[in-house]
């Protein structure tokens, strides 16, 4: 049976590996979206769930900092209108995360080396700066700490110009967990956790993107790390 790499499936898989993800739910109607928002508490974010819309912000299919139900219902209508004729699976309703340092944790299947893990500066500028470090999976905590020190933005992790240092221990745990997940689930061809928002007291994964391999290979035996 093929692994479930849908949004809901990936959220469950990340939870299995102890990876913190923002509170979220996928609504199929404005009424369901409002119910999720009441459950999580405002402010919330709305984001289209569609395999046919890759750059959702550019398409006008993301609305942030929604503070009440009236604005939520209005934003829902605008997003659906902007989605046009794209096939839509639902609307992601997510508790809006507090501000922090935006990072990317990702992975890809390399034909020669197998699963690789990536770490770097994330958010909307990830393709501009391309400031990342790579390792073959699985990695150790020592590997994870080295990856943090290798990027040009390493000083940001330690705090600059009055900002507080992020929790490097929790980030190291995150990297080890993601590498283990990639190693044990080789049906994942590409994975982006972007942004992962890092804080002085931990981190929060805000967005997840996954591409399934065309042909899933058998799982490798987990390696103790």
N, C-alpha and C. Protein backbone atom coordinates (compact mmCIF):
# COMPACT_ATOMS: atom_id res chain seq x y z
N UNK A 1 0.85 -1.20 0.00
CA UNK A 1 0.00 0.00 0.00
C UNK A 1 0.89 1.25 0.00
N UNK A 2 0.59 2.17 -0.92
CA UNK A 2 1.40 3.39 -1.04
C UNK A 2 1.23 4.27 0.19
N UNK A 3 2.33 4.95 0.56
CA UNK A 3 2.28 5.85 1.70
C UNK A 3 1.37 7.04 1.38
N UNK A 4 0.77 7.59 2.41
CA UNK A 4 -0.12 8.74 2.26
C UNK A 4 0.70 10.02 2.39
N UNK A 5 0.95 10.68 1.26
CA UNK A 5 1.72 11.92 1.27
C UNK A 5 0.83 13.13 1.00
N UNK A 6 -0.48 12.99 1.28
CA UNK A 6 -1.37 14.14 1.24
C UNK A 6 -1.00 15.08 2.38
N UNK A 7 -1.61 16.27 2.39
CA UNK A 7 -1.34 17.22 3.47
C UNK A 7 -1.64 16.60 4.83
N UNK A 8 -2.82 15.96 4.94
CA UNK A 8 -3.17 15.32 6.22
C UNK A 8 -2.21 14.19 6.55
N UNK A 9 -1.85 13.41 5.50
CA UNK A 9 -0.93 12.29 5.72
C UNK A 9 0.44 12.75 6.16
N UNK A 10 0.94 13.83 5.56
CA UNK A 10 2.25 14.34 5.94
C UNK A 10 2.24 14.91 7.35
N UNK A 11 1.14 15.57 7.73
CA UNK A 11 1.05 16.10 9.09
C UNK A 11 1.14 14.97 10.11
N UNK A 12 0.45 13.87 9.82
CA UNK A 12 0.51 12.70 10.71
C UNK A 12 1.91 12.10 10.74
N UNK A 13 2.54 12.03 9.55
CA UNK A 13 3.89 11.46 9.48
C UNK A 13 4.88 12.32 10.26
N UNK A 14 4.80 13.63 10.11
CA UNK A 14 5.69 14.52 10.86
C UNK A 14 5.47 14.35 12.36
N UNK A 15 4.20 14.23 12.76
CA UNK A 15 3.90 14.02 14.18
C UNK A 15 4.49 12.73 14.71
N UNK A 16 4.48 11.69 13.88
CA UNK A 16 5.05 10.40 14.27
C UNK A 16 6.53 10.54 14.63
N UNK A 17 7.23 11.44 13.94
CA UNK A 17 8.66 11.65 14.20
C UNK A 17 8.91 12.80 15.18
N UNK A 18 7.87 13.25 15.83
CA UNK A 18 8.02 14.27 16.86
C UNK A 18 8.32 15.65 16.32
N UNK A 19 7.93 15.94 15.08
CA UNK A 19 8.21 17.22 14.44
C UNK A 19 7.03 18.15 14.68
N UNK A 20 7.27 19.30 15.28
CA UNK A 20 6.20 20.24 15.64
C UNK A 20 5.66 20.96 14.42
N UNK A 21 4.33 20.92 14.27
CA UNK A 21 3.65 21.56 13.15
C UNK A 21 2.57 22.49 13.71
N UNK A 22 2.38 23.64 13.08
CA UNK A 22 1.35 24.58 13.52
C UNK A 22 -0.03 23.92 13.48
N UNK A 23 -0.90 24.30 14.41
CA UNK A 23 -2.26 23.78 14.41
C UNK A 23 -2.94 24.11 13.10
N UNK A 24 -3.57 23.11 12.48
CA UNK A 24 -4.20 23.34 11.20
C UNK A 24 -5.26 22.31 10.91
N UNK A 25 -6.11 22.64 9.96
CA UNK A 25 -7.12 21.72 9.49
C UNK A 25 -7.48 22.09 8.06
N UNK A 26 -7.98 21.13 7.30
CA UNK A 26 -8.37 21.39 5.92
C UNK A 26 -9.88 21.44 5.83
N UNK A 27 -10.39 22.60 5.45
CA UNK A 27 -11.84 22.82 5.36
C UNK A 27 -12.29 22.63 3.92
N UNK A 28 -13.51 22.12 3.78
CA UNK A 28 -14.11 21.94 2.46
C UNK A 28 -15.22 22.95 2.21
N UNK A 29 -15.41 23.86 3.13
CA UNK A 29 -16.45 24.88 2.97
C UNK A 29 -16.12 26.06 3.86
N UNK A 30 -16.69 27.23 3.60
CA UNK A 30 -16.48 28.38 4.48
C UNK A 30 -16.93 28.08 5.91
N UNK A 31 -18.00 27.33 6.07
CA UNK A 31 -18.50 26.99 7.40
C UNK A 31 -17.47 26.17 8.18
N UNK A 32 -16.87 25.19 7.51
CA UNK A 32 -15.83 24.38 8.16
C UNK A 32 -14.61 25.23 8.51
N UNK A 33 -14.24 26.15 7.61
CA UNK A 33 -13.10 27.03 7.87
C UNK A 33 -13.34 27.87 9.11
N UNK A 34 -14.55 28.40 9.26
CA UNK A 34 -14.89 29.21 10.43
C UNK A 34 -14.84 28.37 11.70
N UNK A 35 -15.26 27.11 11.60
CA UNK A 35 -15.23 26.23 12.77
C UNK A 35 -13.80 25.96 13.22
N UNK A 36 -12.89 25.73 12.26
CA UNK A 36 -11.48 25.52 12.60
C UNK A 36 -10.90 26.77 13.25
N UNK A 37 -11.23 27.93 12.71
CA UNK A 37 -10.70 29.19 13.24
C UNK A 37 -11.15 29.40 14.68
N UNK A 38 -12.41 29.09 14.96
CA UNK A 38 -12.90 29.21 16.34
C UNK A 38 -12.17 28.23 17.26
N UNK A 39 -11.88 27.05 16.75
CA UNK A 39 -11.17 26.04 17.54
C UNK A 39 -9.74 26.48 17.86
N UNK A 40 -9.02 26.99 16.85
CA UNK A 40 -7.62 27.37 17.02
C UNK A 40 -7.47 28.73 17.72
N UNK A 41 -8.43 29.61 17.47
CA UNK A 41 -8.33 30.99 17.96
C UNK A 41 -7.68 31.88 16.92
N UNK A 42 -8.22 33.08 16.78
CA UNK A 42 -7.64 34.05 15.85
C UNK A 42 -6.38 34.67 16.44
N UNK A 43 -5.47 35.17 15.59
CA UNK A 43 -5.53 35.25 14.13
C UNK A 43 -5.16 33.92 13.47
N UNK A 44 -5.67 33.74 12.23
CA UNK A 44 -5.40 32.52 11.47
C UNK A 44 -4.94 32.89 10.07
N UNK A 45 -4.48 31.87 9.37
CA UNK A 45 -4.05 31.99 7.97
C UNK A 45 -4.93 31.07 7.13
N UNK A 46 -5.30 31.52 5.94
CA UNK A 46 -5.99 30.68 4.96
C UNK A 46 -5.06 30.44 3.78
N UNK A 47 -5.02 29.21 3.30
CA UNK A 47 -4.15 28.88 2.17
C UNK A 47 -4.83 27.79 1.34
N UNK A 48 -4.88 27.98 0.04
CA UNK A 48 -5.51 27.02 -0.84
C UNK A 48 -4.74 25.70 -0.81
N UNK A 49 -5.45 24.60 -0.90
CA UNK A 49 -4.83 23.28 -1.04
C UNK A 49 -5.12 22.81 -2.46
N UNK A 50 -4.12 22.88 -3.32
CA UNK A 50 -4.27 22.51 -4.73
C UNK A 50 -2.93 22.09 -5.29
N UNK A 51 -2.90 20.91 -5.90
CA UNK A 51 -1.67 20.43 -6.53
C UNK A 51 -1.32 21.25 -7.77
N UNK A 52 -2.29 22.01 -8.29
CA UNK A 52 -2.09 22.74 -9.53
C UNK A 52 -1.61 24.18 -9.29
N UNK A 53 -1.55 24.60 -8.02
CA UNK A 53 -1.07 25.94 -7.70
C UNK A 53 0.17 25.80 -6.83
N UNK A 54 1.33 25.98 -7.42
CA UNK A 54 2.59 25.75 -6.71
C UNK A 54 2.96 26.97 -5.87
N UNK A 55 3.01 28.15 -6.50
CA UNK A 55 3.38 29.37 -5.78
C UNK A 55 2.10 30.06 -5.33
N UNK A 56 1.61 29.63 -4.19
CA UNK A 56 0.27 30.04 -3.74
C UNK A 56 0.19 31.53 -3.41
N UNK A 57 1.24 32.06 -2.81
CA UNK A 57 1.23 33.49 -2.48
C UNK A 57 1.18 34.34 -3.74
N UNK A 58 1.98 33.96 -4.75
CA UNK A 58 2.00 34.70 -6.00
C UNK A 58 0.64 34.67 -6.70
N UNK A 59 -0.11 33.58 -6.50
CA UNK A 59 -1.42 33.43 -7.14
C UNK A 59 -2.53 34.11 -6.35
N UNK A 60 -2.20 34.73 -5.23
CA UNK A 60 -3.22 35.37 -4.40
C UNK A 60 -4.08 34.37 -3.65
N UNK A 61 -3.49 33.21 -3.36
CA UNK A 61 -4.24 32.13 -2.72
C UNK A 61 -3.82 31.90 -1.27
N UNK A 62 -3.22 32.93 -0.66
CA UNK A 62 -2.86 32.89 0.76
C UNK A 62 -3.29 34.21 1.40
N UNK A 63 -3.94 34.13 2.54
CA UNK A 63 -4.31 35.31 3.30
C UNK A 63 -3.87 35.12 4.74
N UNK A 64 -3.12 36.08 5.28
CA UNK A 64 -2.57 35.97 6.63
C UNK A 64 -3.23 36.96 7.58
N UNK A 65 -2.99 36.73 8.86
CA UNK A 65 -3.43 37.64 9.92
C UNK A 65 -4.93 37.96 9.84
N UNK A 66 -5.73 36.92 9.66
CA UNK A 66 -7.19 37.06 9.65
C UNK A 66 -7.67 37.07 11.10
N UNK A 67 -8.36 38.12 11.50
CA UNK A 67 -8.61 38.33 12.93
C UNK A 67 -10.05 38.10 13.37
N UNK A 68 -10.97 37.87 12.42
CA UNK A 68 -12.35 37.60 12.82
C UNK A 68 -13.06 36.82 11.72
N UNK A 69 -14.27 36.35 12.03
CA UNK A 69 -15.00 35.48 11.09
C UNK A 69 -15.42 36.22 9.83
N UNK A 70 -15.80 37.48 9.97
CA UNK A 70 -16.19 38.25 8.79
C UNK A 70 -15.05 38.32 7.78
N UNK A 71 -13.85 38.63 8.28
CA UNK A 71 -12.69 38.71 7.39
C UNK A 71 -12.32 37.35 6.82
N UNK A 72 -12.53 36.30 7.63
CA UNK A 72 -12.23 34.94 7.17
C UNK A 72 -13.11 34.55 5.99
N UNK A 73 -14.40 34.79 6.10
CA UNK A 73 -15.32 34.43 5.03
C UNK A 73 -15.04 35.24 3.77
N UNK A 74 -14.66 36.49 3.95
CA UNK A 74 -14.31 37.33 2.81
C UNK A 74 -13.04 36.82 2.14
N UNK A 75 -12.02 36.48 2.96
CA UNK A 75 -10.76 35.97 2.43
C UNK A 75 -10.96 34.64 1.72
N UNK A 76 -11.81 33.78 2.25
CA UNK A 76 -12.12 32.49 1.64
C UNK A 76 -12.64 32.70 0.22
N UNK A 77 -13.59 33.64 0.07
CA UNK A 77 -14.18 33.90 -1.25
C UNK A 77 -13.14 34.44 -2.22
N UNK A 78 -12.28 35.33 -1.76
CA UNK A 78 -11.25 35.92 -2.63
C UNK A 78 -10.27 34.85 -3.10
N UNK A 79 -9.85 33.99 -2.19
CA UNK A 79 -8.89 32.94 -2.55
C UNK A 79 -9.50 31.99 -3.58
N UNK A 80 -10.74 31.58 -3.37
CA UNK A 80 -11.38 30.67 -4.31
C UNK A 80 -11.51 31.34 -5.69
N UNK A 81 -11.79 32.62 -5.71
CA UNK A 81 -11.89 33.34 -6.98
C UNK A 81 -10.52 33.40 -7.66
N UNK A 82 -9.46 33.65 -6.88
CA UNK A 82 -8.12 33.70 -7.46
C UNK A 82 -7.63 32.35 -7.94
N UNK A 83 -8.16 31.27 -7.37
CA UNK A 83 -7.75 29.92 -7.78
C UNK A 83 -8.23 29.59 -9.19
N UNK A 84 -9.23 30.32 -9.66
CA UNK A 84 -9.71 30.12 -11.03
C UNK A 84 -10.21 28.71 -11.28
N UNK A 85 -9.68 28.09 -12.34
CA UNK A 85 -10.13 26.76 -12.74
C UNK A 85 -9.26 25.64 -12.17
N UNK A 86 -8.35 25.98 -11.29
CA UNK A 86 -7.47 24.96 -10.69
C UNK A 86 -8.30 23.98 -9.87
N UNK A 87 -7.86 22.73 -9.85
CA UNK A 87 -8.51 21.72 -9.02
C UNK A 87 -8.14 21.96 -7.57
N UNK A 88 -9.14 22.14 -6.72
CA UNK A 88 -8.91 22.49 -5.32
C UNK A 88 -9.34 21.34 -4.41
N UNK A 89 -8.44 20.92 -3.53
CA UNK A 89 -8.76 19.86 -2.58
C UNK A 89 -9.38 20.39 -1.29
N UNK A 90 -9.18 21.66 -1.02
CA UNK A 90 -9.74 22.24 0.20
C UNK A 90 -9.05 23.54 0.54
N UNK A 91 -9.31 24.02 1.74
CA UNK A 91 -8.70 25.27 2.22
C UNK A 91 -8.02 24.98 3.56
N UNK A 92 -6.71 25.25 3.61
CA UNK A 92 -5.98 25.06 4.84
C UNK A 92 -6.24 26.23 5.79
N UNK A 93 -6.66 25.90 7.00
CA UNK A 93 -6.85 26.90 8.05
C UNK A 93 -5.77 26.63 9.09
N UNK A 94 -4.97 27.62 9.38
CA UNK A 94 -3.82 27.41 10.26
C UNK A 94 -3.72 28.54 11.29
N UNK A 95 -3.45 28.15 12.51
CA UNK A 95 -3.17 29.13 13.55
C UNK A 95 -1.94 29.93 13.14
N UNK A 96 -2.05 31.24 13.15
CA UNK A 96 -0.92 32.06 12.70
C UNK A 96 0.21 32.02 13.72
N UNK A 97 1.40 31.74 13.24
CA UNK A 97 2.57 31.61 14.11
C UNK A 97 3.13 32.99 14.45
N UNK A 98 3.72 33.11 15.65
CA UNK A 98 4.39 34.35 16.00
C UNK A 98 5.68 34.48 15.21
N UNK A 99 6.17 35.70 15.09
CA UNK A 99 7.35 35.96 14.27
C UNK A 99 8.60 35.36 14.90
N UNK A 100 9.50 34.96 14.02
CA UNK A 100 10.78 34.40 14.45
C UNK A 100 11.70 34.33 13.25
N UNK A 101 12.76 33.56 13.35
CA UNK A 101 13.71 33.40 12.25
C UNK A 101 13.22 32.31 11.31
N UNK A 102 13.01 32.66 10.03
CA UNK A 102 12.47 31.71 9.07
C UNK A 102 13.59 30.89 8.43
N UNK A 103 13.47 29.57 8.58
CA UNK A 103 14.46 28.63 8.08
C UNK A 103 13.79 27.64 7.14
N UNK A 104 14.62 26.88 6.42
CA UNK A 104 14.11 25.79 5.61
C UNK A 104 14.82 24.50 6.03
N UNK A 105 14.05 23.44 6.16
CA UNK A 105 14.58 22.09 6.35
C UNK A 105 13.96 21.26 5.24
N UNK A 106 14.78 20.67 4.41
CA UNK A 106 14.25 19.94 3.27
C UNK A 106 15.00 18.66 3.01
N UNK A 107 14.61 18.02 1.93
CA UNK A 107 15.27 16.78 1.56
C UNK A 107 14.99 16.44 0.11
N UNK A 108 15.83 15.58 -0.45
CA UNK A 108 15.63 15.13 -1.82
C UNK A 108 16.25 13.75 -1.99
N UNK A 109 15.77 13.01 -2.97
CA UNK A 109 16.32 11.68 -3.27
C UNK A 109 17.37 11.84 -4.36
N UNK A 110 18.62 11.60 -4.01
CA UNK A 110 19.70 11.68 -4.98
C UNK A 110 19.92 10.29 -5.58
N UNK A 111 20.04 10.17 -6.91
CA UNK A 111 20.18 8.85 -7.52
C UNK A 111 21.44 8.10 -7.10
N UNK A 112 22.47 8.84 -6.67
CA UNK A 112 23.72 8.20 -6.27
C UNK A 112 23.81 8.00 -4.76
N UNK A 113 23.44 9.03 -3.99
CA UNK A 113 23.65 8.98 -2.55
C UNK A 113 22.39 8.62 -1.76
N UNK A 114 21.25 8.60 -2.41
CA UNK A 114 20.02 8.33 -1.68
C UNK A 114 19.48 9.59 -1.04
N UNK A 115 18.75 9.47 0.08
CA UNK A 115 18.13 10.64 0.70
C UNK A 115 19.17 11.62 1.23
N UNK A 116 18.97 12.91 0.91
CA UNK A 116 19.80 13.99 1.41
C UNK A 116 18.93 14.93 2.24
N UNK A 117 19.51 15.55 3.27
CA UNK A 117 18.80 16.54 4.06
C UNK A 117 19.44 17.90 3.85
N UNK A 118 18.62 18.93 3.85
CA UNK A 118 19.06 20.29 3.58
C UNK A 118 18.62 21.20 4.72
N UNK A 119 19.47 22.15 5.06
CA UNK A 119 19.14 23.15 6.08
C UNK A 119 19.65 24.51 5.62
N UNK A 120 18.87 25.55 5.87
CA UNK A 120 19.34 26.88 5.49
C UNK A 120 18.35 27.97 5.84
N UNK A 121 18.64 29.16 5.35
CA UNK A 121 17.76 30.31 5.54
C UNK A 121 16.54 30.12 4.65
N UNK A 122 15.34 30.27 5.23
CA UNK A 122 14.13 29.96 4.49
C UNK A 122 13.25 31.16 4.25
N UNK A 123 11.93 30.89 4.18
CA UNK A 123 10.97 31.94 3.89
C UNK A 123 10.92 32.25 2.41
N UNK A 124 10.44 33.44 2.07
CA UNK A 124 10.25 33.79 0.67
C UNK A 124 11.56 34.05 -0.07
N UNK A 125 12.67 34.20 0.68
CA UNK A 125 13.95 34.51 0.04
C UNK A 125 14.84 33.29 -0.15
N UNK A 126 14.29 32.09 0.06
CA UNK A 126 15.13 30.90 0.01
C UNK A 126 15.78 30.72 -1.36
N UNK A 127 15.07 31.05 -2.44
CA UNK A 127 15.62 30.89 -3.78
C UNK A 127 16.55 32.05 -4.15
N UNK A 128 16.50 33.13 -3.39
CA UNK A 128 17.37 34.28 -3.65
C UNK A 128 18.74 34.05 -3.02
N UNK A 129 18.74 33.69 -1.74
CA UNK A 129 20.01 33.54 -1.02
C UNK A 129 20.68 32.19 -1.28
N UNK A 130 19.88 31.14 -1.45
CA UNK A 130 20.42 29.79 -1.66
C UNK A 130 21.52 29.47 -0.64
N UNK A 131 21.23 29.80 0.61
CA UNK A 131 22.20 29.63 1.70
C UNK A 131 21.84 28.36 2.46
N UNK A 132 22.40 27.23 1.99
CA UNK A 132 22.01 25.94 2.56
C UNK A 132 23.23 25.05 2.79
N UNK A 133 23.00 24.03 3.63
CA UNK A 133 23.98 22.99 3.89
C UNK A 133 23.33 21.64 3.66
N UNK A 134 24.09 20.66 3.16
CA UNK A 134 23.54 19.34 2.82
C UNK A 134 24.30 18.23 3.53
N UNK A 135 23.58 17.14 3.81
CA UNK A 135 24.18 15.92 4.34
C UNK A 135 23.43 14.71 3.81
N UNK A 136 24.12 13.57 3.75
CA UNK A 136 23.48 12.30 3.42
C UNK A 136 22.77 11.78 4.67
N UNK A 137 21.56 11.29 4.50
CA UNK A 137 20.78 10.76 5.62
C UNK A 137 21.18 9.31 5.92
N UNK A 138 21.04 8.90 7.20
CA UNK A 138 20.64 9.70 8.36
C UNK A 138 21.82 10.43 8.97
N UNK A 139 21.53 11.47 9.74
CA UNK A 139 22.57 12.27 10.37
C UNK A 139 22.50 12.14 11.88
N UNK A 140 23.57 12.54 12.53
CA UNK A 140 23.63 12.58 13.98
C UNK A 140 23.41 14.01 14.47
N UNK A 141 23.29 14.17 15.76
CA UNK A 141 23.15 15.50 16.34
C UNK A 141 24.38 16.36 16.02
N UNK A 142 25.58 15.74 16.06
CA UNK A 142 26.80 16.48 15.74
C UNK A 142 26.77 16.98 14.30
N UNK A 143 26.26 16.14 13.37
CA UNK A 143 26.11 16.56 11.98
C UNK A 143 25.18 17.76 11.87
N UNK A 144 24.07 17.69 12.61
CA UNK A 144 23.07 18.76 12.57
C UNK A 144 23.67 20.08 13.03
N UNK A 145 24.44 20.05 14.10
CA UNK A 145 25.05 21.28 14.61
C UNK A 145 26.08 21.83 13.62
N UNK A 146 26.80 20.94 12.95
CA UNK A 146 27.75 21.38 11.92
C UNK A 146 27.03 22.05 10.77
N UNK A 147 25.88 21.50 10.36
CA UNK A 147 25.11 22.09 9.27
C UNK A 147 24.69 23.52 9.60
N UNK A 148 24.31 23.74 10.85
CA UNK A 148 23.90 25.09 11.26
C UNK A 148 25.07 26.07 11.16
N UNK A 149 26.27 25.62 11.47
CA UNK A 149 27.44 26.49 11.47
C UNK A 149 27.98 26.74 10.06
N UNK A 150 27.59 25.88 9.10
CA UNK A 150 28.16 25.99 7.76
C UNK A 150 27.49 27.06 6.89
N UNK A 151 26.26 27.42 7.19
CA UNK A 151 25.58 28.40 6.33
C UNK A 151 26.10 29.81 6.59
N UNK A 152 25.99 30.67 5.60
CA UNK A 152 26.45 32.05 5.76
C UNK A 152 25.62 32.81 6.79
N UNK A 153 24.37 32.39 6.94
CA UNK A 153 23.48 33.04 7.90
C UNK A 153 23.62 32.51 9.31
N UNK A 154 24.67 31.75 9.59
CA UNK A 154 24.86 31.16 10.93
C UNK A 154 24.79 32.20 12.05
N UNK A 155 25.34 33.42 11.86
CA UNK A 155 25.24 34.41 12.94
C UNK A 155 23.81 34.74 13.34
N UNK A 156 22.87 34.61 12.40
CA UNK A 156 21.47 34.89 12.73
C UNK A 156 20.95 33.91 13.77
N UNK A 157 21.44 32.69 13.75
CA UNK A 157 21.01 31.68 14.71
C UNK A 157 21.49 32.01 16.11
N UNK A 158 22.61 32.72 16.18
CA UNK A 158 23.21 33.03 17.48
C UNK A 158 22.75 34.37 18.03
N UNK A 159 21.99 35.12 17.22
CA UNK A 159 21.47 36.41 17.66
C UNK A 159 22.36 37.55 17.21
N UNK A 160 21.81 38.47 16.44
CA UNK A 160 22.56 39.65 15.99
C UNK A 160 21.68 40.89 16.14
N UNK A 161 22.33 42.03 16.37
CA UNK A 161 21.64 43.32 16.44
C UNK A 161 20.42 43.29 17.37
N UNK A 162 20.64 42.72 18.53
CA UNK A 162 19.60 42.73 19.54
C UNK A 162 18.62 41.59 19.48
N UNK A 163 18.71 40.72 18.46
CA UNK A 163 17.83 39.56 18.41
C UNK A 163 18.36 38.46 19.32
N UNK A 164 17.46 37.62 19.80
CA UNK A 164 17.85 36.56 20.72
C UNK A 164 18.29 35.33 19.94
N UNK A 165 19.21 34.53 20.48
CA UNK A 165 19.61 33.29 19.82
C UNK A 165 18.44 32.32 19.74
N UNK A 166 18.44 31.49 18.70
CA UNK A 166 17.40 30.47 18.58
C UNK A 166 17.84 29.23 19.36
N UNK A 167 16.91 28.33 19.56
CA UNK A 167 17.17 27.10 20.31
C UNK A 167 17.86 26.08 19.40
N UNK A 168 19.17 26.09 19.41
CA UNK A 168 19.95 25.19 18.54
C UNK A 168 19.73 23.72 18.87
N UNK A 169 19.51 23.41 20.15
CA UNK A 169 19.27 22.02 20.55
C UNK A 169 18.00 21.48 19.90
N UNK A 170 16.93 22.29 19.95
CA UNK A 170 15.67 21.84 19.35
C UNK A 170 15.79 21.74 17.83
N UNK A 171 16.52 22.68 17.23
CA UNK A 171 16.72 22.61 15.78
C UNK A 171 17.53 21.37 15.40
N UNK A 172 18.52 21.03 16.21
CA UNK A 172 19.31 19.83 15.95
C UNK A 172 18.42 18.58 16.02
N UNK A 173 17.54 18.55 17.02
CA UNK A 173 16.60 17.42 17.13
C UNK A 173 15.72 17.34 15.89
N UNK A 174 15.26 18.50 15.42
CA UNK A 174 14.43 18.55 14.23
C UNK A 174 15.16 17.96 13.03
N UNK A 175 16.40 18.38 12.82
CA UNK A 175 17.17 17.89 11.67
C UNK A 175 17.39 16.39 11.74
N UNK A 176 17.71 15.90 12.91
CA UNK A 176 17.90 14.45 13.08
C UNK A 176 16.59 13.71 12.78
N UNK A 177 15.49 14.23 13.27
CA UNK A 177 14.19 13.58 13.05
C UNK A 177 13.80 13.58 11.58
N UNK A 178 14.02 14.71 10.90
CA UNK A 178 13.69 14.78 9.47
C UNK A 178 14.57 13.83 8.67
N UNK A 179 15.85 13.75 9.01
CA UNK A 179 16.75 12.85 8.29
C UNK A 179 16.31 11.40 8.48
N UNK A 180 15.88 11.06 9.67
CA UNK A 180 15.40 9.70 9.96
C UNK A 180 14.13 9.41 9.16
N UNK A 181 13.24 10.40 9.10
CA UNK A 181 12.00 10.23 8.35
C UNK A 181 12.29 10.02 6.86
N UNK A 182 13.21 10.81 6.30
CA UNK A 182 13.57 10.67 4.89
C UNK A 182 14.20 9.30 4.62
N UNK A 183 15.03 8.84 5.54
CA UNK A 183 15.73 7.57 5.39
C UNK A 183 14.76 6.40 5.43
N UNK A 184 13.75 6.52 6.28
CA UNK A 184 12.81 5.41 6.47
C UNK A 184 11.61 5.48 5.54
N UNK A 185 11.44 6.57 4.83
CA UNK A 185 10.29 6.73 3.92
C UNK A 185 10.80 7.18 2.56
N UNK A 186 11.38 6.25 1.84
CA UNK A 186 12.06 6.61 0.60
C UNK A 186 11.13 6.79 -0.58
N UNK A 187 9.83 6.79 -0.33
CA UNK A 187 8.89 7.21 -1.36
C UNK A 187 8.85 8.71 -1.49
N UNK A 188 9.48 9.43 -0.54
CA UNK A 188 9.55 10.89 -0.61
C UNK A 188 10.70 11.28 -1.53
N UNK A 189 10.36 11.91 -2.66
CA UNK A 189 11.38 12.32 -3.62
C UNK A 189 11.93 13.70 -3.27
N UNK A 190 11.05 14.62 -2.85
CA UNK A 190 11.46 15.95 -2.41
C UNK A 190 10.58 16.36 -1.23
N UNK A 191 11.19 17.08 -0.29
CA UNK A 191 10.47 17.57 0.88
C UNK A 191 10.95 18.96 1.22
N UNK A 192 10.00 19.87 1.44
CA UNK A 192 10.32 21.21 1.92
C UNK A 192 9.49 21.52 3.16
N UNK A 193 10.14 21.79 4.26
CA UNK A 193 9.49 22.37 5.42
C UNK A 193 9.94 23.83 5.42
N UNK A 194 9.09 24.70 4.88
CA UNK A 194 9.49 26.09 4.67
C UNK A 194 8.27 27.01 4.73
N UNK A 195 8.24 27.92 5.70
CA UNK A 195 9.30 28.10 6.69
C UNK A 195 9.13 27.24 7.92
N UNK A 196 10.27 26.91 8.52
CA UNK A 196 10.32 26.48 9.91
C UNK A 196 10.71 27.74 10.69
N UNK A 197 9.86 28.16 11.60
CA UNK A 197 10.14 29.39 12.34
C UNK A 197 10.84 29.03 13.65
N UNK A 198 12.04 29.54 13.80
CA UNK A 198 12.86 29.22 14.97
C UNK A 198 12.72 30.32 16.02
N UNK A 199 12.63 29.88 17.28
CA UNK A 199 12.48 30.80 18.41
C UNK A 199 13.55 30.49 19.46
N UNK A 200 13.60 31.32 20.48
CA UNK A 200 14.52 31.07 21.60
C UNK A 200 14.10 29.84 22.38
N UNK A 201 12.82 29.46 22.26
CA UNK A 201 12.30 28.34 23.04
C UNK A 201 11.79 27.20 22.16
N UNK A 202 12.32 27.05 20.95
CA UNK A 202 11.91 25.96 20.09
C UNK A 202 11.70 26.39 18.65
N UNK A 203 10.77 25.74 17.97
CA UNK A 203 10.52 26.03 16.56
C UNK A 203 9.09 25.60 16.24
N UNK A 204 8.61 26.01 15.07
CA UNK A 204 7.31 25.59 14.60
C UNK A 204 7.37 25.46 13.08
N UNK A 205 6.93 24.31 12.57
CA UNK A 205 6.86 24.09 11.13
C UNK A 205 5.55 24.67 10.61
N UNK A 206 5.65 25.61 9.67
CA UNK A 206 4.46 26.32 9.20
C UNK A 206 3.95 25.76 7.88
N UNK A 207 4.84 25.36 6.98
CA UNK A 207 4.37 24.85 5.69
C UNK A 207 5.14 23.61 5.29
N UNK A 208 4.45 22.74 4.57
CA UNK A 208 5.00 21.45 4.16
C UNK A 208 4.72 21.25 2.67
N UNK A 209 5.75 20.90 1.92
CA UNK A 209 5.56 20.53 0.52
C UNK A 209 6.30 19.23 0.26
N UNK A 210 5.63 18.27 -0.38
CA UNK A 210 6.24 16.97 -0.63
C UNK A 210 5.95 16.53 -2.05
N UNK A 211 6.94 15.90 -2.68
CA UNK A 211 6.77 15.30 -4.00
C UNK A 211 7.08 13.81 -3.87
N UNK A 212 6.12 12.99 -4.26
CA UNK A 212 6.29 11.54 -4.21
C UNK A 212 7.17 11.08 -5.36
N UNK A 213 8.04 10.09 -5.08
CA UNK A 213 8.85 9.51 -6.15
C UNK A 213 7.94 8.76 -7.12
N UNK A 214 8.33 8.78 -8.40
CA UNK A 214 7.51 8.11 -9.41
C UNK A 214 7.39 6.63 -9.11
N UNK A 215 8.46 6.03 -8.63
CA UNK A 215 8.45 4.63 -8.25
C UNK A 215 9.00 4.53 -6.85
N UNK A 216 8.16 4.13 -5.90
CA UNK A 216 8.62 4.01 -4.52
C UNK A 216 9.48 2.77 -4.38
N UNK A 217 10.62 2.92 -3.70
CA UNK A 217 11.51 1.79 -3.47
C UNK A 217 11.24 1.22 -2.09
N UNK A 218 11.71 0.02 -1.87
CA UNK A 218 11.50 -0.62 -0.58
C UNK A 218 12.19 0.18 0.51
N UNK A 219 11.57 0.17 1.70
CA UNK A 219 12.17 0.89 2.82
C UNK A 219 13.46 0.22 3.24
N UNK A 220 14.42 1.05 3.64
CA UNK A 220 15.64 0.51 4.23
C UNK A 220 15.40 0.27 5.72
N UNK A 221 16.15 -0.61 6.29
CA UNK A 221 16.05 -0.85 7.71
C UNK A 221 16.51 0.39 8.45
N UNK A 222 15.75 0.83 9.47
CA UNK A 222 16.16 2.02 10.22
C UNK A 222 17.56 1.86 10.82
N UNK A 223 18.34 2.90 10.75
CA UNK A 223 19.69 2.89 11.32
C UNK A 223 19.68 3.66 12.62
N UNK A 224 20.24 3.08 13.64
CA UNK A 224 20.27 3.75 14.95
C UNK A 224 21.05 5.03 14.85
N UNK A 225 20.46 6.12 15.33
CA UNK A 225 21.16 7.40 15.32
C UNK A 225 20.97 8.07 16.66
